Amino acid sequence: PEPEVANALAKAEPGLAAASMPPRELVILLDALLPLCQQALYSKNSHVGRAGEAAMVYLSQIDPMNITPSFLDFAIRALDISAVNLAHQAPAALSVLTRLVQPAMRR
């Protein structure tokens, strides 16, 4: 977040400052969560799919430089016209793209 926002949040919620995670641990956590979120997107259970979508949005807000390119590669494969065997993934990929484009443009 912007420094002003982070400072205001730290004043309003002092306990949040103690909850920070070392950067290398954050990378490990994000690397573990990303494949799970990507798989959840294509679940037959709609609740799991929506949870995966929401998680992708949150992950992209935490680390857009690493999460967004990985997801875009994933979505491009699903949306490729020659990927007939991935056609079932296209609706989920489009749905997540609609949710990720706006946050990505803010950066």
C-alpha atoms as a PDB file:
ATOM      1  CA  PRO A   1       0.000   0.000   0.000  1.00  0.00           C
ATOM      2  CA  GLU A   2       0.908   3.647  -0.261  1.00  0.00           C
ATOM      3  CA  PRO A   3       3.007   4.873   2.707  1.00  0.00           C
ATOM      4  CA  GLU A   4       0.264   7.262   3.875  1.00  0.00           C
ATOM      5  CA  VAL A   5      -2.308   4.477   3.844  1.00  0.00           C
ATOM      6  CA  ALA A   6       0.052   2.084   5.614  1.00  0.00           C
ATOM      7  CA  ASN A   7       0.876   4.697   8.257  1.00  0.00           C
ATOM      8  CA  ALA A   8      -2.789   5.540   8.850  1.00  0.00           C
ATOM      9  CA  LEU A   9      -3.628   1.850   9.107  1.00  0.00           C
ATOM     10  CA  ALA A  10      -0.777   1.275  11.568  1.00  0.00           C
ATOM     11  CA  LYS A  11      -2.132   4.106  13.753  1.00  0.00           C
ATOM     12  CA  ALA A  12      -5.697   2.783  13.594  1.00  0.00           C
ATOM     13  CA  GLU A  13      -4.699  -0.877  14.116  1.00  0.00           C
ATOM     14  CA  PRO A  14      -1.404  -0.978  16.054  1.00  0.00           C
ATOM     15  CA  GLY A  15      -1.476  -4.780  16.232  1.00  0.00           C
ATOM     16  CA  LEU A  16      -1.016  -5.047  12.463  1.00  0.00           C
ATOM     17  CA  ALA A  17       2.597  -3.867  12.656  1.00  0.00           C
ATOM     18  CA  ALA A  18       3.504  -6.928  14.729  1.00  0.00           C
ATOM     19  CA  ALA A  19       1.828  -9.208  12.172  1.00  0.00           C
ATOM     20  CA  SER A  20       4.250  -8.512   9.338  1.00  0.00           C
ATOM     21  CA  MET A  21       5.853 -11.450   7.565  1.00  0.00           C
ATOM     22  CA  PRO A  22       9.472 -11.569   6.405  1.00  0.00           C
ATOM     23  CA  PRO A  23       9.638 -11.134   2.599  1.00  0.00           C
ATOM     24  CA  ARG A  24      11.205 -14.556   1.941  1.00  0.00           C
ATOM     25  CA  GLU A  25       8.427 -16.277   3.904  1.00  0.00           C
ATOM     26  CA  LEU A  26       5.831 -14.304   1.974  1.00  0.00           C
ATOM     27  CA  VAL A  27       7.322 -15.521  -1.312  1.00  0.00           C
ATOM     28  CA  ILE A  28       7.234 -19.136  -0.081  1.00  0.00           C
ATOM     29  CA  LEU A  29       3.597 -18.733   0.988  1.00  0.00           C
ATOM     30  CA  LEU A  30       2.539 -17.130  -2.286  1.00  0.00           C
ATOM     31  CA  ASP A  31       4.363 -19.797  -4.308  1.00  0.00           C
ATOM     32  CA  ALA A  32       2.481 -22.474  -2.372  1.00  0.00           C
ATOM     33  CA  LEU A  33      -0.935 -20.794  -2.683  1.00  0.00           C
ATOM     34  CA  LEU A  34      -0.824 -19.826  -6.367  1.00  0.00           C
ATOM     35  CA  PRO A  35      -1.124 -23.359  -7.825  1.00  0.00           C
ATOM     36  CA  LEU A  36      -3.906 -24.186  -5.362  1.00  0.00           C
ATOM     37  CA  CYS A  37      -5.844 -21.086  -6.390  1.00  0.00           C
ATOM     38  CA  GLN A  38      -5.349 -21.859 -10.060  1.00  0.00           C
ATOM     39  CA  GLN A  39      -6.694 -25.383  -9.577  1.00  0.00           C
ATOM     40  CA  ALA A  40      -9.618 -24.094  -7.506  1.00  0.00           C
ATOM     41  CA  LEU A  41     -10.677 -21.853 -10.407  1.00  0.00           C
ATOM     42  CA  TYR A  42     -11.583 -24.893 -12.475  1.00  0.00           C
ATOM     43  CA  SER A  43     -13.371 -26.840  -9.776  1.00  0.00           C
ATOM     44  CA  LYS A  44     -16.738 -28.363 -10.652  1.00  0.00           C
ATOM     45  CA  ASN A  45     -18.001 -26.933  -7.363  1.00  0.00           C
ATOM     46  CA  SER A  46     -18.962 -23.302  -8.030  1.00  0.00           C
ATOM     47  CA  HIS A  47     -18.234 -22.242  -4.441  1.00  0.00           C
ATOM     48  CA  VAL A  48     -14.679 -23.535  -4.710  1.00  0.00           C
ATOM     49  CA  GLY A  49     -14.279 -21.778  -8.071  1.00  0.00           C
ATOM     50  CA  ARG A  50     -15.431 -18.447  -6.645  1.00  0.00           C
ATOM     51  CA  ALA A  51     -13.158 -18.890  -3.627  1.00  0.00           C
ATOM     52  CA  GLY A  52     -10.245 -19.513  -6.000  1.00  0.00           C
ATOM     53  CA  GLU A  53     -11.181 -16.367  -7.916  1.00  0.00           C
ATOM     54  CA  ALA A  54     -11.280 -14.264  -4.767  1.00  0.00           C
ATOM     55  CA  ALA A  55      -7.985 -15.731  -3.591  1.00  0.00           C
ATOM     56  CA  MET A  56      -6.352 -14.871  -6.927  1.00  0.00           C
ATOM     57  CA  VAL A  57      -7.503 -11.273  -6.556  1.00  0.00           C
ATOM     58  CA  TYR A  58      -6.088 -11.103  -3.012  1.00  0.00           C
ATOM     59  CA  LEU A  59      -2.795 -12.698  -4.050  1.00  0.00           C
ATOM     60  CA  SER A  60      -2.472 -10.278  -6.955  1.00  0.00           C
ATOM     61  CA  GLN A  61      -3.002  -7.373  -4.575  1.00  0.00           C
ATOM     62  CA  ILE A  62      -0.277  -8.672  -2.254  1.00  0.00           C
ATOM     63  CA  ASP A  63       2.323  -9.281  -4.973  1.00  0.00           C
ATOM     64  CA  PRO A  64       1.094  -8.157  -8.397  1.00  0.00           C
ATOM     65  CA  MET A  65       4.522  -8.339 -10.038  1.00  0.00           C
ATOM     66  CA  ASN A  66       4.822 -12.089  -9.424  1.00  0.00           C
ATOM     67  CA  ILE A  67       1.228 -13.306  -9.274  1.00  0.00           C
ATOM     68  CA  THR A  68      -0.300 -11.539 -12.265  1.00  0.00           C
ATOM     69  CA  PRO A  69       2.175 -12.742 -14.949  1.00  0.00           C
ATOM     70  CA  SER A  70       1.852 -16.315 -13.736  1.00  0.00           C
ATOM     71  CA  PHE A  71      -1.921 -16.160 -13.895  1.00  0.00           C
ATOM     72  CA  LEU A  72      -1.911 -14.433 -17.282  1.00  0.00           C
ATOM     73  CA  ASP A  73       0.195 -17.255 -18.732  1.00  0.00           C
ATOM     74  CA  PHE A  74      -2.258 -19.731 -17.236  1.00  0.00           C
ATOM     75  CA  ALA A  75      -5.278 -17.834 -18.653  1.00  0.00           C
ATOM     76  CA  ILE A  76      -3.742 -17.338 -22.088  1.00  0.00           C
ATOM     77  CA  ARG A  77      -3.246 -21.104 -22.423  1.00  0.00           C
ATOM     78  CA  ALA A  78      -6.897 -21.665 -21.454  1.00  0.00           C
ATOM     79  CA  LEU A  79      -8.112 -19.023 -23.909  1.00  0.00           C
ATOM     80  CA  ASP A  80      -5.899 -20.067 -26.817  1.00  0.00           C
ATOM     81  CA  ILE A  81      -8.085 -20.970 -29.778  1.00  0.00           C
ATOM     82  CA  SER A  82      -6.019 -24.067 -30.514  1.00  0.00           C
ATOM     83  CA  ALA A  83      -6.310 -25.406 -26.945  1.00  0.00           C
ATOM     84  CA  VAL A  84      -9.386 -27.544 -27.556  1.00  0.00           C
ATOM     85  CA  ASN A  85      -8.571 -29.743 -24.585  1.00  0.00           C
ATOM     86  CA  LEU A  86      -8.667 -26.675 -22.275  1.00  0.00           C
ATOM     87  CA  ALA A  87     -11.982 -25.250 -23.524  1.00  0.00           C
ATOM     88  CA  HIS A  88     -13.685 -26.038 -20.212  1.00  0.00           C
ATOM     89  CA  GLN A  89     -11.235 -23.641 -18.521  1.00  0.00           C
ATOM     90  CA  ALA A  90     -12.094 -20.638 -20.702  1.00  0.00           C
ATOM     91  CA  PRO A  91     -15.146 -19.396 -18.719  1.00  0.00           C
ATOM     92  CA  ALA A  92     -13.224 -19.477 -15.440  1.00  0.00           C
ATOM     93  CA  ALA A  93     -10.211 -17.761 -17.007  1.00  0.00           C
ATOM     94  CA  LEU A  94     -12.427 -14.999 -18.429  1.00  0.00           C
ATOM     95  CA  SER A  95     -14.175 -14.542 -15.109  1.00  0.00           C
ATOM     96  CA  VAL A  96     -10.924 -14.103 -13.210  1.00  0.00           C
ATOM     97  CA  LEU A  97      -9.488 -11.835 -15.867  1.00  0.00           C
ATOM     98  CA  THR A  98     -12.437  -9.485 -15.426  1.00  0.00           C
ATOM     99  CA  ARG A  99     -11.673  -9.313 -11.700  1.00  0.00           C
ATOM    100  CA  LEU A 100      -7.890  -8.970 -12.085  1.00  0.00           C
ATOM    101  CA  VAL A 101      -7.671  -6.382 -14.848  1.00  0.00           C
ATOM    102  CA  GLN A 102      -8.883  -3.440 -12.785  1.00  0.00           C
ATOM    103  CA  PRO A 103      -6.571  -4.071  -9.783  1.00  0.00           C
ATOM    104  CA  ALA A 104      -3.662  -4.657 -12.165  1.00  0.00           C
ATOM    105  CA  MET A 105      -4.287  -1.316 -13.892  1.00  0.00           C
ATOM    106  CA  ARG A 106      -4.034   0.535 -10.560  1.00  0.00           C
ATOM    107  CA  ARG A 107      -0.368  -0.411 -10.182  1.00  0.00           C
END
